[in-house]
Every structure is written in structure tokens, then in C-alpha cells.
Amino acid sequence: MQFEARLEWQRNGHPFLDQKYSRAHEWVFDGGLRVPASSSPLSVPLPMSVADNVDPEEALVAAVSSCHMLFFLSIAAKKGHTVESYIDNAVGLLEKLPNGRLGMTNITLRPDIAFAGMAWPSEEEIAAIHHEAHDKCYIANSLRSEITIEPAIEPEQ
């Protein structure tokens, strides 16, 4: 399988050699969706970055979260559990690596999942579904950083 994304950036007449050019660009996907992207203002100060645009670090965290959720939903459905909602407030930690470079050292997924009906899976079964989803997630399998899953604890029914 092969997946493609197109990136488009233009200098638009801005100075370049002084490093004061805009980092704003677009990601273009196969269905025609265009996503405004930029460097993070934490990496490149405003106005060269665009705070409202998606930055690569956020996109990486979102990709891990999305991949995990998609496998979680599939596994839950196969086990007969109806998921009503799945909300994840995922966080990535960019830190200095032992070699002195910066890297995403940890991504923590914090899924808050609501199931439909009265027969919710047990905490142990939810943990097992998360474990299987993590093992199957292509994005997680592609990264060296640690990925932690901290599910929200639901009240007893």
C-alpha cells in the first residue's frame, strides 16, 4: 500500500535568505482536501508561523490518536460493544534526545469513551482493546517514541 500527500509552499516575494519568510503552506490530500499548515510558533516565531494552521508536531499527535481510535472502534465493534463517543485529548512531548536533537519522545493518548446501552465492557476489557489497538496501529508501529494510553475512568454503572 502506498499513501500520498502533497505539500504546497510559495515564497510569494518575501525575503528568504534572512529566514523571515512565511512558513505557511498547505497539505493537499487525494480527495482534494486542503489543510492550512505552518511551523509551530513554538519553533518559528510569529509572524513567520501561522498559529491557526496545523503544525507537523500537532499532526503527528493527531495521526497517532486517530489511528488508535480507528482500531479501537473496530475491535470494540467485533466484540459486540457499541461506542457512542470517543474523545481524545492527546498530548505530544518534544524533548532533547540523547544525541542532542529534538524529537517527539512521548505521545499520551487520553481517550474518554462512552458506550451505548447498559452492558459496557469492564475496565480490563477496555484495557485489552486499547492494547490490541495500539499493537495494530500503523502509525504507532512506525515511531520510536513512547506512546502511553491513559483512558478516562468512567463512573460505575
N, C-alpha and C. Protein backbone atom coordinates (compact mmCIF):
# COMPACT_ATOMS: atom_id res chain seq x y z
N MET A 1 0.83 -1.19 0.00
CA MET A 1 0.00 0.00 0.00
C MET A 1 0.87 1.24 0.00
N GLN A 2 0.38 2.23 -0.66
CA GLN A 2 1.12 3.49 -0.74
C GLN A 2 0.15 4.63 -0.43
N PHE A 3 0.58 5.58 0.37
CA PHE A 3 -0.24 6.73 0.71
C PHE A 3 0.51 7.99 0.30
N GLU A 4 -0.22 8.94 -0.21
CA GLU A 4 0.43 10.15 -0.72
C GLU A 4 -0.19 11.39 -0.11
N ALA A 5 0.61 12.41 0.02
CA ALA A 5 0.15 13.74 0.40
C ALA A 5 0.99 14.73 -0.38
N ARG A 6 0.37 15.80 -0.76
CA ARG A 6 1.08 16.85 -1.50
C ARG A 6 1.24 18.04 -0.57
N LEU A 7 2.39 18.67 -0.63
CA LEU A 7 2.67 19.88 0.13
C LEU A 7 2.92 21.01 -0.84
N GLU A 8 2.29 22.18 -0.60
CA GLU A 8 2.47 23.33 -1.48
C GLU A 8 2.89 24.55 -0.65
N TRP A 9 4.00 25.18 -1.02
CA TRP A 9 4.51 26.40 -0.38
C TRP A 9 5.00 27.33 -1.47
N GLN A 10 4.79 28.61 -1.29
CA GLN A 10 5.29 29.62 -2.22
C GLN A 10 5.95 30.74 -1.42
N ARG A 11 7.04 31.26 -1.94
CA ARG A 11 7.74 32.37 -1.28
C ARG A 11 6.93 33.65 -1.37
N ASN A 12 6.19 33.81 -2.43
CA ASN A 12 5.33 34.98 -2.64
C ASN A 12 6.07 36.31 -2.49
N GLY A 13 7.30 36.36 -2.98
CA GLY A 13 8.05 37.60 -2.99
C GLY A 13 8.68 38.02 -1.68
N HIS A 14 8.48 37.25 -0.63
CA HIS A 14 9.07 37.60 0.66
C HIS A 14 10.58 37.40 0.63
N PRO A 15 11.32 38.15 1.43
CA PRO A 15 12.76 37.87 1.57
C PRO A 15 12.93 36.42 2.03
N PHE A 16 14.03 35.83 1.69
CA PHE A 16 14.22 34.42 2.02
C PHE A 16 15.50 34.18 2.82
N LEU A 17 16.61 34.72 2.38
CA LEU A 17 17.90 34.43 2.99
C LEU A 17 18.01 34.93 4.42
N ASP A 18 17.17 35.88 4.81
CA ASP A 18 17.20 36.39 6.18
C ASP A 18 16.37 35.53 7.15
N GLN A 19 15.80 34.42 6.67
CA GLN A 19 14.99 33.48 7.46
C GLN A 19 13.65 34.08 7.91
N LYS A 20 13.24 35.21 7.31
CA LYS A 20 12.00 35.86 7.73
C LYS A 20 10.86 35.62 6.74
N TYR A 21 10.88 34.49 6.08
CA TYR A 21 9.83 34.13 5.14
C TYR A 21 8.71 33.39 5.87
N SER A 22 7.54 33.40 5.27
CA SER A 22 6.39 32.72 5.87
C SER A 22 6.56 31.21 5.79
N ARG A 23 6.24 30.55 6.88
CA ARG A 23 6.25 29.08 6.92
C ARG A 23 4.88 28.50 6.58
N ALA A 24 3.91 29.37 6.28
CA ALA A 24 2.57 28.90 5.92
C ALA A 24 2.61 28.10 4.61
N HIS A 25 1.92 26.99 4.60
CA HIS A 25 1.83 26.15 3.42
C HIS A 25 0.54 25.34 3.51
N GLU A 26 0.28 24.50 2.52
CA GLU A 26 -0.91 23.66 2.55
C GLU A 26 -0.54 22.21 2.31
N TRP A 27 -1.29 21.34 2.99
CA TRP A 27 -1.24 19.92 2.71
C TRP A 27 -2.45 19.63 1.84
N VAL A 28 -2.25 18.92 0.74
CA VAL A 28 -3.33 18.61 -0.18
C VAL A 28 -3.46 17.08 -0.23
N PHE A 29 -4.66 16.60 0.04
CA PHE A 29 -4.88 15.15 0.09
C PHE A 29 -5.70 14.68 -1.09
N ASP A 30 -5.73 13.36 -1.30
CA ASP A 30 -6.29 12.77 -2.51
C ASP A 30 -7.74 13.14 -2.80
N GLY A 31 -8.53 13.43 -1.80
CA GLY A 31 -9.92 13.81 -2.02
C GLY A 31 -10.09 15.28 -2.33
N GLY A 32 -8.95 16.01 -2.37
CA GLY A 32 -9.00 17.43 -2.66
C GLY A 32 -8.98 18.31 -1.42
N LEU A 33 -9.03 17.70 -0.25
CA LEU A 33 -9.00 18.47 0.99
C LEU A 33 -7.67 19.20 1.10
N ARG A 34 -7.75 20.49 1.43
CA ARG A 34 -6.56 21.33 1.61
C ARG A 34 -6.52 21.73 3.08
N VAL A 35 -5.43 21.43 3.74
CA VAL A 35 -5.28 21.75 5.16
C VAL A 35 -4.21 22.82 5.30
N PRO A 36 -4.57 23.98 5.88
CA PRO A 36 -3.57 25.01 6.11
C PRO A 36 -2.57 24.55 7.16
N ALA A 37 -1.30 24.61 6.83
CA ALA A 37 -0.25 24.13 7.73
C ALA A 37 0.80 25.22 7.91
N SER A 38 1.64 25.05 8.91
CA SER A 38 2.69 26.01 9.20
C SER A 38 3.64 25.37 10.20
N SER A 39 4.77 26.01 10.40
CA SER A 39 5.59 25.63 11.53
C SER A 39 4.87 26.07 12.78
N SER A 40 5.20 25.48 13.91
CA SER A 40 4.63 25.89 15.18
C SER A 40 5.25 27.22 15.61
N PRO A 41 4.45 28.12 16.17
CA PRO A 41 5.04 29.35 16.72
C PRO A 41 6.02 29.08 17.85
N LEU A 42 5.98 27.86 18.41
CA LEU A 42 6.97 27.48 19.42
C LEU A 42 8.33 27.22 18.80
N SER A 43 8.33 26.91 17.49
CA SER A 43 9.58 26.65 16.78
C SER A 43 10.07 27.87 15.99
N VAL A 44 9.15 28.51 15.31
CA VAL A 44 9.46 29.69 14.49
C VAL A 44 8.50 30.79 14.93
N PRO A 45 9.03 31.91 15.40
CA PRO A 45 8.15 32.95 15.96
C PRO A 45 7.19 33.56 14.94
N LEU A 46 6.09 34.09 15.48
CA LEU A 46 5.16 34.86 14.67
C LEU A 46 5.89 36.09 14.16
N PRO A 47 5.62 36.63 13.04
CA PRO A 47 4.58 36.28 12.08
C PRO A 47 5.04 35.29 11.01
N MET A 48 6.24 34.71 11.15
CA MET A 48 6.69 33.76 10.13
C MET A 48 5.92 32.44 10.22
N SER A 49 5.36 32.13 11.39
CA SER A 49 4.47 30.98 11.56
C SER A 49 3.04 31.49 11.61
N VAL A 50 2.12 30.58 11.41
CA VAL A 50 0.69 30.92 11.48
C VAL A 50 0.08 30.05 12.57
N ALA A 51 -0.25 30.67 13.69
CA ALA A 51 -0.72 29.93 14.86
C ALA A 51 -2.00 29.15 14.59
N ASP A 52 -2.87 29.64 13.71
CA ASP A 52 -4.14 28.96 13.43
C ASP A 52 -3.98 27.72 12.55
N ASN A 53 -2.86 27.57 11.88
CA ASN A 53 -2.65 26.44 10.99
C ASN A 53 -2.15 25.22 11.77
N VAL A 54 -2.33 24.05 11.19
CA VAL A 54 -1.84 22.81 11.79
C VAL A 54 -0.33 22.74 11.60
N ASP A 55 0.39 22.41 12.67
CA ASP A 55 1.83 22.22 12.51
C ASP A 55 2.17 20.74 12.50
N PRO A 56 3.35 20.37 11.98
CA PRO A 56 3.69 18.95 11.85
C PRO A 56 3.66 18.19 13.18
N GLU A 57 4.02 18.84 14.27
CA GLU A 57 4.02 18.17 15.56
C GLU A 57 2.59 17.83 15.99
N GLU A 58 1.67 18.79 15.82
CA GLU A 58 0.26 18.52 16.13
C GLU A 58 -0.28 17.42 15.22
N ALA A 59 0.11 17.46 13.96
CA ALA A 59 -0.38 16.46 13.01
C ALA A 59 0.10 15.06 13.40
N LEU A 60 1.33 14.96 13.88
CA LEU A 60 1.84 13.65 14.31
C LEU A 60 1.03 13.13 15.48
N VAL A 61 0.78 13.97 16.46
CA VAL A 61 -0.01 13.56 17.63
C VAL A 61 -1.42 13.17 17.18
N ALA A 62 -2.02 13.96 16.30
CA ALA A 62 -3.36 13.65 15.80
C ALA A 62 -3.37 12.34 15.01
N ALA A 63 -2.33 12.08 14.24
CA ALA A 63 -2.27 10.84 13.45
C ALA A 63 -2.22 9.62 14.37
N VAL A 64 -1.43 9.69 15.43
CA VAL A 64 -1.37 8.57 16.39
C VAL A 64 -2.73 8.39 17.04
N SER A 65 -3.33 9.48 17.49
CA SER A 65 -4.63 9.42 18.15
C SER A 65 -5.70 8.84 17.22
N SER A 66 -5.74 9.32 15.99
CA SER A 66 -6.73 8.87 15.02
C SER A 66 -6.56 7.40 14.69
N CYS A 67 -5.33 6.98 14.45
CA CYS A 67 -5.05 5.58 14.12
C CYS A 67 -5.50 4.66 15.26
N HIS A 68 -5.13 5.04 16.49
CA HIS A 68 -5.50 4.24 17.67
C HIS A 68 -7.02 4.15 17.78
N MET A 69 -7.71 5.30 17.63
CA MET A 69 -9.16 5.31 17.75
C MET A 69 -9.82 4.42 16.70
N LEU A 70 -9.36 4.49 15.46
CA LEU A 70 -9.97 3.70 14.40
C LEU A 70 -9.85 2.20 14.68
N PHE A 71 -8.71 1.77 15.18
CA PHE A 71 -8.57 0.35 15.55
C PHE A 71 -9.41 0.03 16.78
N PHE A 72 -9.44 0.94 17.76
CA PHE A 72 -10.26 0.70 18.97
C PHE A 72 -11.72 0.49 18.57
N LEU A 73 -12.26 1.38 17.73
CA LEU A 73 -13.65 1.27 17.31
C LEU A 73 -13.92 -0.07 16.62
N SER A 74 -13.03 -0.48 15.73
CA SER A 74 -13.20 -1.73 15.01
C SER A 74 -13.19 -2.94 15.95
N ILE A 75 -12.24 -2.93 16.86
CA ILE A 75 -12.12 -4.05 17.81
C ILE A 75 -13.33 -4.09 18.74
N ALA A 76 -13.76 -2.92 19.24
CA ALA A 76 -14.93 -2.87 20.12
C ALA A 76 -16.16 -3.41 19.40
N ALA A 77 -16.34 -3.02 18.14
CA ALA A 77 -17.49 -3.49 17.37
C ALA A 77 -17.44 -5.01 17.20
N LYS A 78 -16.26 -5.55 16.91
CA LYS A 78 -16.12 -7.00 16.75
C LYS A 78 -16.46 -7.74 18.04
N LYS A 79 -16.23 -7.09 19.18
CA LYS A 79 -16.50 -7.71 20.47
C LYS A 79 -17.93 -7.44 20.94
N GLY A 80 -18.72 -6.74 20.11
CA GLY A 80 -20.13 -6.52 20.44
C GLY A 80 -20.40 -5.31 21.31
N HIS A 81 -19.45 -4.38 21.40
CA HIS A 81 -19.62 -3.18 22.21
C HIS A 81 -19.87 -1.98 21.29
N THR A 82 -20.96 -1.27 21.52
CA THR A 82 -21.29 -0.10 20.72
C THR A 82 -20.69 1.13 21.37
N VAL A 83 -19.82 1.80 20.64
CA VAL A 83 -19.20 3.03 21.14
C VAL A 83 -20.08 4.19 20.73
N GLU A 84 -20.49 4.99 21.70
CA GLU A 84 -21.34 6.16 21.45
C GLU A 84 -20.50 7.38 21.09
N SER A 85 -19.40 7.56 21.81
CA SER A 85 -18.50 8.67 21.51
C SER A 85 -17.09 8.32 21.96
N TYR A 86 -16.13 8.96 21.32
CA TYR A 86 -14.71 8.74 21.62
C TYR A 86 -14.05 10.11 21.46
N ILE A 87 -13.57 10.65 22.56
CA ILE A 87 -12.91 11.95 22.56
C ILE A 87 -11.53 11.77 23.16
N ASP A 88 -10.51 12.20 22.45
CA ASP A 88 -9.14 12.03 22.93
C ASP A 88 -8.45 13.39 22.98
N ASN A 89 -7.94 13.73 24.13
CA ASN A 89 -7.13 14.94 24.30
C ASN A 89 -5.67 14.51 24.36
N ALA A 90 -5.13 14.17 23.20
CA ALA A 90 -3.77 13.63 23.10
C ALA A 90 -2.74 14.75 23.23
N VAL A 91 -1.59 14.39 23.80
CA VAL A 91 -0.51 15.35 24.03
C VAL A 91 0.81 14.71 23.60
N GLY A 92 1.60 15.47 22.83
CA GLY A 92 2.93 15.02 22.44
C GLY A 92 3.99 15.84 23.16
N LEU A 93 5.06 15.20 23.53
CA LEU A 93 6.14 15.87 24.26
C LEU A 93 7.39 15.89 23.38
N LEU A 94 7.80 17.09 23.00
CA LEU A 94 9.00 17.28 22.19
C LEU A 94 10.14 17.61 23.15
N GLU A 95 11.17 16.78 23.13
CA GLU A 95 12.30 16.95 24.06
C GLU A 95 13.62 16.69 23.36
N LYS A 96 14.67 17.08 24.04
CA LYS A 96 16.01 16.82 23.52
C LYS A 96 16.33 15.33 23.70
N LEU A 97 16.82 14.71 22.64
CA LEU A 97 17.19 13.30 22.65
C LEU A 97 18.64 13.16 23.13
N PRO A 98 19.06 11.96 23.47
CA PRO A 98 20.45 11.77 23.92
C PRO A 98 21.50 12.27 22.92
N ASN A 99 21.15 12.26 21.62
CA ASN A 99 22.10 12.72 20.60
C ASN A 99 22.08 14.25 20.44
N GLY A 100 21.27 14.94 21.27
CA GLY A 100 21.20 16.39 21.24
C GLY A 100 20.14 16.96 20.30
N ARG A 101 19.56 16.12 19.48
CA ARG A 101 18.49 16.57 18.57
C ARG A 101 17.16 16.58 19.31
N LEU A 102 16.19 17.32 18.75
CA LEU A 102 14.84 17.31 19.30
C LEU A 102 14.03 16.19 18.66
N GLY A 103 13.19 15.57 19.46
CA GLY A 103 12.32 14.53 18.94
C GLY A 103 11.09 14.39 19.81
N MET A 104 10.04 13.83 19.23
CA MET A 104 8.82 13.56 19.98
C MET A 104 9.10 12.32 20.82
N THR A 105 9.29 12.53 22.12
CA THR A 105 9.70 11.44 23.00
C THR A 105 8.53 10.67 23.59
N ASN A 106 7.38 11.32 23.67
CA ASN A 106 6.23 10.65 24.25
C ASN A 106 4.95 11.25 23.67
N ILE A 107 4.02 10.38 23.38
CA ILE A 107 2.68 10.80 22.98
C ILE A 107 1.74 10.11 23.94
N THR A 108 0.94 10.89 24.64
CA THR A 108 -0.02 10.34 25.59
C THR A 108 -1.42 10.52 25.02
N LEU A 109 -2.11 9.39 24.88
CA LEU A 109 -3.50 9.40 24.44
C LEU A 109 -4.37 9.36 25.68
N ARG A 110 -5.38 10.20 25.72
CA ARG A 110 -6.28 10.27 26.87
C ARG A 110 -7.73 10.10 26.41
N PRO A 111 -8.05 8.92 25.89
CA PRO A 111 -9.39 8.73 25.36
C PRO A 111 -10.46 8.70 26.45
N ASP A 112 -11.55 9.39 26.18
CA ASP A 112 -12.73 9.37 27.03
C ASP A 112 -13.82 8.76 26.16
N ILE A 113 -14.22 7.54 26.50
CA ILE A 113 -15.09 6.76 25.63
C ILE A 113 -16.41 6.51 26.34
N ALA A 114 -17.49 6.73 25.62
CA ALA A 114 -18.82 6.39 26.13
C ALA A 114 -19.37 5.26 25.27
N PHE A 115 -19.91 4.27 25.93
CA PHE A 115 -20.52 3.14 25.24
C PHE A 115 -22.03 3.28 25.33
N ALA A 116 -22.73 2.73 24.36
CA ALA A 116 -24.18 2.75 24.36
C ALA A 116 -24.70 1.54 25.12
N GLY A 117 -25.90 1.67 25.64
CA GLY A 117 -26.55 0.55 26.30
C GLY A 117 -26.06 0.36 27.73
N MET A 118 -26.53 -0.70 28.32
CA MET A 118 -26.22 -0.98 29.73
C MET A 118 -25.02 -1.90 29.91
N ALA A 119 -24.67 -2.68 28.91
CA ALA A 119 -23.61 -3.68 29.05
C ALA A 119 -22.27 -3.12 28.56
N TRP A 120 -21.71 -2.21 29.33
CA TRP A 120 -20.40 -1.66 28.98
C TRP A 120 -19.34 -2.71 29.25
N PRO A 121 -18.25 -2.69 28.49
CA PRO A 121 -17.16 -3.63 28.79
C PRO A 121 -16.52 -3.24 30.12
N SER A 122 -15.90 -4.22 30.75
CA SER A 122 -15.21 -3.97 32.02
C SER A 122 -13.95 -3.14 31.76
N GLU A 123 -13.38 -2.57 32.81
CA GLU A 123 -12.12 -1.82 32.67
C GLU A 123 -11.03 -2.70 32.10
N GLU A 124 -11.00 -3.97 32.49
CA GLU A 124 -10.00 -4.90 31.97
C GLU A 124 -10.19 -5.13 30.48
N GLU A 125 -11.44 -5.27 30.04
CA GLU A 125 -11.69 -5.48 28.62
C GLU A 125 -11.36 -4.23 27.82
N ILE A 126 -11.69 -3.05 28.36
CA ILE A 126 -11.33 -1.80 27.69
C ILE A 126 -9.81 -1.70 27.55
N ALA A 127 -9.09 -2.04 28.62
CA ALA A 127 -7.62 -2.01 28.58
C ALA A 127 -7.10 -2.98 27.51
N ALA A 128 -7.71 -4.15 27.41
CA ALA A 128 -7.29 -5.14 26.41
C ALA A 128 -7.56 -4.62 24.99
N ILE A 129 -8.67 -3.94 24.80
CA ILE A 129 -8.98 -3.37 23.47
C ILE A 129 -7.95 -2.29 23.14
N HIS A 130 -7.63 -1.43 24.13
CA HIS A 130 -6.60 -0.41 23.90
C HIS A 130 -5.26 -1.06 23.54
N HIS A 131 -4.89 -2.11 24.25
CA HIS A 131 -3.62 -2.79 23.98
C HIS A 131 -3.60 -3.35 22.55
N GLU A 132 -4.68 -3.99 22.15
CA GLU A 132 -4.74 -4.55 20.80
C GLU A 132 -4.73 -3.44 19.75
N ALA A 133 -5.47 -2.35 20.01
CA ALA A 133 -5.49 -1.22 19.07
C ALA A 133 -4.09 -0.63 18.93
N HIS A 134 -3.38 -0.50 20.04
CA HIS A 134 -2.02 0.04 19.99
C HIS A 134 -1.11 -0.87 19.17
N ASP A 135 -1.22 -2.18 19.39
CA ASP A 135 -0.40 -3.13 18.64
C ASP A 135 -0.68 -3.09 17.14
N LYS A 136 -1.91 -2.80 16.76
CA LYS A 136 -2.29 -2.80 15.35
C LYS A 136 -2.10 -1.46 14.66
N CYS A 137 -1.92 -0.39 15.41
CA CYS A 137 -1.85 0.95 14.83
C CYS A 137 -0.58 1.10 14.00
N TYR A 138 -0.76 1.37 12.70
CA TYR A 138 0.38 1.51 11.78
C TYR A 138 1.27 2.68 12.17
N ILE A 139 0.65 3.75 12.62
CA ILE A 139 1.43 4.94 12.96
C ILE A 139 2.27 4.66 14.20
N ALA A 140 1.66 4.10 15.23
CA ALA A 140 2.42 3.76 16.44
C ALA A 140 3.56 2.80 16.13
N ASN A 141 3.30 1.85 15.23
CA ASN A 141 4.33 0.88 14.87
C ASN A 141 5.48 1.51 14.08
N SER A 142 5.27 2.72 13.59
CA SER A 142 6.27 3.40 12.78
C SER A 142 7.15 4.34 13.60
N LEU A 143 6.81 4.57 14.85
CA LEU A 143 7.51 5.56 15.67
C LEU A 143 8.42 4.93 16.71
N ARG A 144 9.45 5.68 17.07
CA ARG A 144 10.34 5.25 18.15
C ARG A 144 9.90 5.79 19.50
N SER A 145 9.08 6.84 19.51
CA SER A 145 8.70 7.46 20.77
C SER A 145 7.72 6.57 21.53
N GLU A 146 7.70 6.77 22.83
CA GLU A 146 6.79 6.03 23.69
C GLU A 146 5.38 6.57 23.49
N ILE A 147 4.42 5.67 23.45
CA ILE A 147 3.02 6.06 23.36
C ILE A 147 2.31 5.49 24.58
N THR A 148 1.75 6.38 25.39
CA THR A 148 1.08 6.00 26.62
C THR A 148 -0.42 6.20 26.43
N ILE A 149 -1.20 5.28 26.97
CA ILE A 149 -2.65 5.40 26.89
C ILE A 149 -3.19 5.52 28.29
N GLU A 150 -3.88 6.62 28.55
CA GLU A 150 -4.47 6.90 29.86
C GLU A 150 -5.98 7.08 29.69
N PRO A 151 -6.72 6.00 29.59
CA PRO A 151 -8.17 6.15 29.39
C PRO A 151 -8.83 6.87 30.55
N ALA A 152 -9.86 7.64 30.23
CA ALA A 152 -10.65 8.28 31.28
C ALA A 152 -11.36 7.18 32.05
N ILE A 153 -11.45 7.34 33.34
CA ILE A 153 -12.15 6.35 34.18
C ILE A 153 -13.62 6.76 34.24
N GLU A 154 -14.46 5.85 33.83
CA GLU A 154 -15.91 6.12 33.81
C GLU A 154 -16.51 5.72 35.16
N PRO A 155 -17.55 6.43 35.57
CA PRO A 155 -18.23 6.06 36.81
C PRO A 155 -18.87 4.69 36.68
N GLU A 156 -18.98 4.00 37.81
CA GLU A 156 -19.62 2.67 37.82
C GLU A 156 -21.08 2.82 37.43
N GLN A 157 -21.59 1.82 36.72
CA GLN A 157 -23.00 1.87 36.29
C GLN A 157 -23.88 1.28 37.35
